[in-house]
């Protein structure tokens, strides 16, 4: 399991999906989110530019 430098554990998985516009990324992610939720997993969805650091550097 990954952890922060202070030893705080970072449980979970990160899924990154890439593809051209209209290729069905959003549809597939929605299906995956629904399936994982139905299986009892906690799902957090975020856009690539939701981080203030990323947003600032891509302006």
Protein backbone atom coordinates (compact mmCIF):
# COMPACT_ATOMS: atom_id res chain seq x y z
CA UNK A 1 0.00 0.00 0.00
CA UNK A 2 1.26 3.49 -0.80
CA UNK A 3 1.89 5.95 2.00
CA UNK A 4 2.80 9.56 2.60
CA UNK A 5 6.33 10.43 3.82
CA UNK A 6 5.01 10.53 7.41
CA UNK A 7 3.71 6.97 7.05
CA UNK A 8 0.03 7.83 6.62
CA UNK A 9 -1.44 5.05 4.47
CA UNK A 10 -3.09 5.83 1.16
CA UNK A 11 -5.50 2.96 0.59
CA UNK A 12 -7.36 2.69 -2.67
CA UNK A 13 -6.75 2.74 -6.38
CA UNK A 14 -6.40 5.49 -8.95
CA UNK A 15 -7.95 4.93 -12.36
CA UNK A 16 -6.87 7.15 -15.23
CA UNK A 17 -8.80 7.01 -18.48
CA UNK A 18 -7.58 8.64 -21.67
CA UNK A 19 -9.10 8.81 -25.12
CA UNK A 20 -10.26 11.11 -27.86
CA UNK A 21 -13.47 13.12 -27.63
CA UNK A 22 -16.55 10.99 -28.12
CA UNK A 23 -14.79 7.69 -27.45
CA UNK A 24 -17.04 6.80 -24.49
CA UNK A 25 -14.77 7.62 -21.55
CA UNK A 26 -17.53 9.23 -19.50
CA UNK A 27 -19.93 6.38 -20.23
CA UNK A 28 -17.40 3.74 -19.19
CA UNK A 29 -16.43 5.64 -16.03
CA UNK A 30 -20.09 6.00 -15.07
CA UNK A 31 -20.63 2.26 -15.53
CA UNK A 32 -17.49 1.51 -13.50
CA UNK A 33 -18.57 3.90 -10.73
CA UNK A 34 -22.02 2.29 -10.53
CA UNK A 35 -20.56 -1.23 -10.47
CA UNK A 36 -17.99 -0.41 -7.78
CA UNK A 37 -20.65 1.32 -5.67
CA UNK A 38 -22.95 -1.70 -6.00
CA UNK A 39 -20.04 -3.91 -4.88
CA UNK A 40 -19.74 -1.81 -1.71
CA UNK A 41 -16.74 0.33 -2.59
CA UNK A 42 -16.55 4.04 -1.82
CA UNK A 43 -15.99 5.86 -5.10
CA UNK A 44 -14.58 9.37 -5.45
CA UNK A 45 -14.71 10.88 -8.92
CA UNK A 46 -12.69 13.96 -9.77
CA UNK A 47 -11.85 15.79 -12.97
CA UNK A 48 -8.23 16.16 -14.03
CA UNK A 49 -8.22 19.91 -13.32
CA UNK A 50 -9.92 19.77 -9.90
CA UNK A 51 -6.59 20.26 -8.11
CA UNK A 52 -5.76 23.95 -7.46
CA UNK A 53 -2.14 23.20 -8.38
CA UNK A 54 -3.07 21.63 -11.73
CA UNK A 55 -5.63 24.34 -12.48
CA UNK A 56 -3.07 27.09 -11.83
CA UNK A 57 -0.40 25.53 -14.05
CA UNK A 58 -2.75 24.84 -16.98
CA UNK A 59 -4.23 28.35 -17.23
